[in-house]
């Protein structure tokens, strides 16, 4: 339950960005989580938690990138 609560607090909230660009929050989460995981004992609960945050950020970056490619079709909507 604690891990779930911490995970939710790190991954929820409103994000703003530009179409075709990853959210800055996802980039920061990916980088910071990887950095913290490297400082912890491999396989520890803490390291696994930060690695899961990193993985989620990577998946979010990929998902939104693919979605943005589908939404940006070059038409002028004005």
N, C-alpha and C. Protein backbone atom coordinates (compact mmCIF):
# COMPACT_ATOMS: atom_id res chain seq x y z
N UNK A 1 0.82 -1.18 0.00
CA UNK A 1 0.00 0.00 0.00
C UNK A 1 0.87 1.26 0.00
N UNK A 2 1.96 1.20 0.75
CA UNK A 2 2.85 2.36 0.80
C UNK A 2 3.46 2.61 -0.56
N UNK A 3 3.95 1.54 -1.18
CA UNK A 3 4.55 1.69 -2.52
C UNK A 3 3.54 2.24 -3.51
N UNK A 4 2.32 1.75 -3.46
CA UNK A 4 1.27 2.23 -4.37
C UNK A 4 0.97 3.70 -4.16
N UNK A 5 0.92 4.12 -2.90
CA UNK A 5 0.68 5.52 -2.61
C UNK A 5 1.81 6.42 -3.08
N UNK A 6 3.04 5.98 -2.84
CA UNK A 6 4.19 6.75 -3.31
C UNK A 6 4.23 6.81 -4.83
N UNK A 7 3.94 5.68 -5.46
CA UNK A 7 3.94 5.62 -6.92
C UNK A 7 2.89 6.57 -7.49
N UNK A 8 1.69 6.55 -6.91
CA UNK A 8 0.62 7.42 -7.38
C UNK A 8 0.98 8.89 -7.21
N UNK A 9 1.61 9.22 -6.10
CA UNK A 9 1.97 10.62 -5.88
C UNK A 9 3.04 11.09 -6.86
N UNK A 10 3.88 10.18 -7.32
CA UNK A 10 4.95 10.55 -8.25
C UNK A 10 4.47 10.60 -9.70
N UNK A 11 3.38 9.92 -10.00
CA UNK A 11 2.97 9.82 -11.40
C UNK A 11 1.67 10.54 -11.72
N UNK A 12 1.01 11.12 -10.74
CA UNK A 12 -0.26 11.78 -11.01
C UNK A 12 -0.06 13.29 -11.12
N UNK A 13 -1.11 13.95 -11.55
CA UNK A 13 -1.07 15.40 -11.66
C UNK A 13 -1.18 15.86 -13.09
N UNK A 14 -1.30 17.16 -13.24
CA UNK A 14 -1.45 17.78 -14.55
C UNK A 14 -0.07 18.05 -15.13
N UNK A 15 0.09 17.75 -16.41
CA UNK A 15 1.34 18.02 -17.10
C UNK A 15 1.05 18.87 -18.31
N UNK A 16 1.97 19.77 -18.61
CA UNK A 16 1.85 20.62 -19.78
C UNK A 16 3.05 20.41 -20.68
N UNK A 17 2.80 20.44 -21.98
CA UNK A 17 3.89 20.27 -22.91
C UNK A 17 3.48 20.66 -24.31
N UNK A 18 4.40 20.45 -25.21
CA UNK A 18 4.17 20.76 -26.61
C UNK A 18 3.94 19.47 -27.39
N UNK A 19 3.01 19.48 -28.34
CA UNK A 19 2.79 18.28 -29.15
C UNK A 19 4.09 17.84 -29.81
N UNK A 20 4.30 16.55 -29.80
CA UNK A 20 5.50 16.00 -30.42
C UNK A 20 6.71 15.99 -29.51
N UNK A 21 6.59 16.57 -28.32
CA UNK A 21 7.68 16.61 -27.36
C UNK A 21 7.26 15.88 -26.09
N UNK A 22 8.19 15.14 -25.46
CA UNK A 22 7.82 14.49 -24.20
C UNK A 22 7.57 15.54 -23.12
N UNK A 23 6.74 15.18 -22.16
CA UNK A 23 6.48 16.07 -21.04
C UNK A 23 7.77 16.22 -20.23
N UNK A 24 8.12 17.43 -19.84
CA UNK A 24 9.33 17.63 -19.03
C UNK A 24 9.28 16.83 -17.72
N UNK A 25 8.09 16.66 -17.16
CA UNK A 25 7.94 15.90 -15.92
C UNK A 25 8.32 14.43 -16.13
N UNK A 26 7.98 13.87 -17.30
CA UNK A 26 8.35 12.49 -17.58
C UNK A 26 9.85 12.35 -17.75
N UNK A 27 10.47 13.31 -18.41
CA UNK A 27 11.92 13.29 -18.59
C UNK A 27 12.61 13.36 -17.23
N UNK A 28 12.14 14.28 -16.39
CA UNK A 28 12.73 14.43 -15.06
C UNK A 28 12.53 13.16 -14.23
N UNK A 29 11.33 12.59 -14.28
CA UNK A 29 11.07 11.36 -13.53
C UNK A 29 11.97 10.24 -14.01
N UNK A 30 12.10 10.08 -15.31
CA UNK A 30 12.97 9.02 -15.86
C UNK A 30 14.40 9.19 -15.37
N UNK A 31 14.93 10.40 -15.53
CA UNK A 31 16.34 10.64 -15.21
C UNK A 31 16.61 10.54 -13.71
N UNK A 32 15.76 11.16 -12.93
CA UNK A 32 15.97 11.17 -11.47
C UNK A 32 15.78 9.78 -10.88
N UNK A 33 14.80 9.04 -11.36
CA UNK A 33 14.57 7.68 -10.86
C UNK A 33 15.74 6.77 -11.17
N UNK A 34 16.26 6.86 -12.38
CA UNK A 34 17.42 6.05 -12.76
C UNK A 34 18.63 6.41 -11.90
N UNK A 35 18.81 7.70 -11.68
CA UNK A 35 19.93 8.17 -10.87
C UNK A 35 19.83 7.64 -9.43
N UNK A 36 18.65 7.73 -8.85
CA UNK A 36 18.46 7.24 -7.49
C UNK A 36 18.61 5.73 -7.40
N UNK A 37 18.09 5.00 -8.38
CA UNK A 37 18.19 3.53 -8.37
C UNK A 37 19.64 3.08 -8.38
N UNK A 38 20.49 3.82 -9.10
CA UNK A 38 21.92 3.45 -9.17
C UNK A 38 22.64 3.61 -7.82
N UNK A 39 22.09 4.42 -6.93
CA UNK A 39 22.73 4.64 -5.63
C UNK A 39 22.31 3.60 -4.60
N UNK A 40 21.35 2.76 -4.94
CA UNK A 40 20.80 1.79 -3.99
C UNK A 40 21.28 0.38 -4.31
N UNK A 41 21.15 -0.50 -3.34
CA UNK A 41 21.54 -1.89 -3.53
C UNK A 41 20.67 -2.55 -4.60
N UNK A 42 21.29 -3.17 -5.60
CA UNK A 42 20.51 -3.83 -6.65
C UNK A 42 19.57 -4.88 -6.04
N UNK A 43 18.33 -4.87 -6.50
CA UNK A 43 17.34 -5.83 -6.03
C UNK A 43 16.63 -5.41 -4.76
N UNK A 44 17.06 -4.31 -4.14
CA UNK A 44 16.38 -3.86 -2.92
C UNK A 44 15.00 -3.32 -3.27
N UNK A 45 14.14 -3.26 -2.28
CA UNK A 45 12.79 -2.74 -2.47
C UNK A 45 12.86 -1.32 -3.02
N UNK A 46 13.78 -0.54 -2.46
CA UNK A 46 13.90 0.86 -2.87
C UNK A 46 14.37 0.98 -4.32
N UNK A 47 15.39 0.19 -4.67
CA UNK A 47 15.90 0.23 -6.05
C UNK A 47 14.82 -0.21 -7.02
N UNK A 48 14.10 -1.25 -6.69
CA UNK A 48 13.02 -1.73 -7.57
C UNK A 48 11.93 -0.68 -7.73
N UNK A 49 11.64 0.05 -6.66
CA UNK A 49 10.64 1.10 -6.73
C UNK A 49 11.07 2.17 -7.73
N UNK A 50 12.31 2.63 -7.61
CA UNK A 50 12.77 3.68 -8.52
C UNK A 50 12.91 3.17 -9.96
N UNK A 51 13.28 1.91 -10.11
CA UNK A 51 13.35 1.34 -11.46
C UNK A 51 11.96 1.26 -12.08
N UNK A 52 10.93 0.97 -11.26
CA UNK A 52 9.57 0.93 -11.81
C UNK A 52 9.10 2.33 -12.19
N UNK A 53 9.50 3.35 -11.42
CA UNK A 53 9.17 4.73 -11.80
C UNK A 53 9.86 5.10 -13.11
N UNK A 54 11.11 4.69 -13.25
CA UNK A 54 11.84 4.97 -14.50
C UNK A 54 11.15 4.29 -15.68
N UNK A 55 10.79 3.03 -15.50
CA UNK A 55 10.12 2.29 -16.58
C UNK A 55 8.80 2.93 -16.97
N UNK A 56 8.04 3.36 -15.98
CA UNK A 56 6.76 4.02 -16.26
C UNK A 56 6.97 5.30 -17.04
N UNK A 57 7.97 6.08 -16.66
CA UNK A 57 8.26 7.33 -17.37
C UNK A 57 8.65 7.04 -18.82
N UNK A 58 9.47 6.03 -19.04
CA UNK A 58 9.87 5.66 -20.40
C UNK A 58 8.65 5.26 -21.22
N UNK A 59 7.76 4.46 -20.61
CA UNK A 59 6.55 4.04 -21.31
C UNK A 59 5.64 5.23 -21.62
N UNK A 60 5.53 6.17 -20.69
CA UNK A 60 4.72 7.36 -20.92
C UNK A 60 5.29 8.19 -22.07
N UNK A 61 6.61 8.35 -22.09
CA UNK A 61 7.26 9.11 -23.17
C UNK A 61 6.98 8.45 -24.51
N UNK A 62 7.10 7.14 -24.57
CA UNK A 62 6.84 6.42 -25.83
C UNK A 62 5.38 6.50 -26.23
N UNK A 63 4.48 6.29 -25.27
CA UNK A 63 3.05 6.29 -25.57
C UNK A 63 2.61 7.65 -26.08
N UNK A 64 2.97 8.72 -25.38
CA UNK A 64 2.55 10.05 -25.81
C UNK A 64 3.22 10.42 -27.13
N UNK A 65 4.44 9.96 -27.36
CA UNK A 65 5.10 10.22 -28.63
C UNK A 65 4.36 9.58 -29.79
N UNK A 66 3.95 8.33 -29.61
CA UNK A 66 3.19 7.64 -30.65
C UNK A 66 1.82 8.29 -30.86
N UNK A 67 1.18 8.67 -29.77
CA UNK A 67 -0.13 9.31 -29.86
C UNK A 67 -0.02 10.65 -30.56
N UNK A 68 1.01 11.43 -30.23
CA UNK A 68 1.20 12.73 -30.86
C UNK A 68 1.44 12.57 -32.36
N UNK A 69 2.16 11.54 -32.76
CA UNK A 69 2.38 11.30 -34.18
C UNK A 69 1.06 11.07 -34.90
N UNK A 70 0.12 10.40 -34.25
CA UNK A 70 -1.18 10.15 -34.85
C UNK A 70 -2.02 11.42 -34.92
N UNK A 71 -1.86 12.30 -33.91
CA UNK A 71 -2.66 13.52 -33.87
C UNK A 71 -2.14 14.61 -34.79
N UNK A 72 -0.84 14.61 -35.02
CA UNK A 72 -0.23 15.65 -35.86
C UNK A 72 -0.18 15.10 -37.29
N UNK A 73 -1.09 15.60 -38.11
CA UNK A 73 -1.15 15.06 -39.47
C UNK A 73 -0.84 16.12 -40.54
N UNK A 74 -0.38 17.29 -40.11
CA UNK A 74 0.06 18.29 -41.06
C UNK A 74 -1.03 19.20 -41.61
N UNK A 75 -2.28 18.98 -41.21
CA UNK A 75 -3.35 19.84 -41.70
C UNK A 75 -3.38 21.16 -40.94
N UNK A 76 -3.81 22.19 -41.62
CA UNK A 76 -3.98 23.51 -41.01
C UNK A 76 -5.42 23.60 -40.52
N UNK A 77 -5.62 23.61 -39.21
CA UNK A 77 -6.95 23.56 -38.64
C UNK A 77 -7.55 24.94 -38.41
N UNK A 78 -6.91 25.99 -38.84
CA UNK A 78 -7.46 27.33 -38.64
C UNK A 78 -8.54 27.64 -39.63
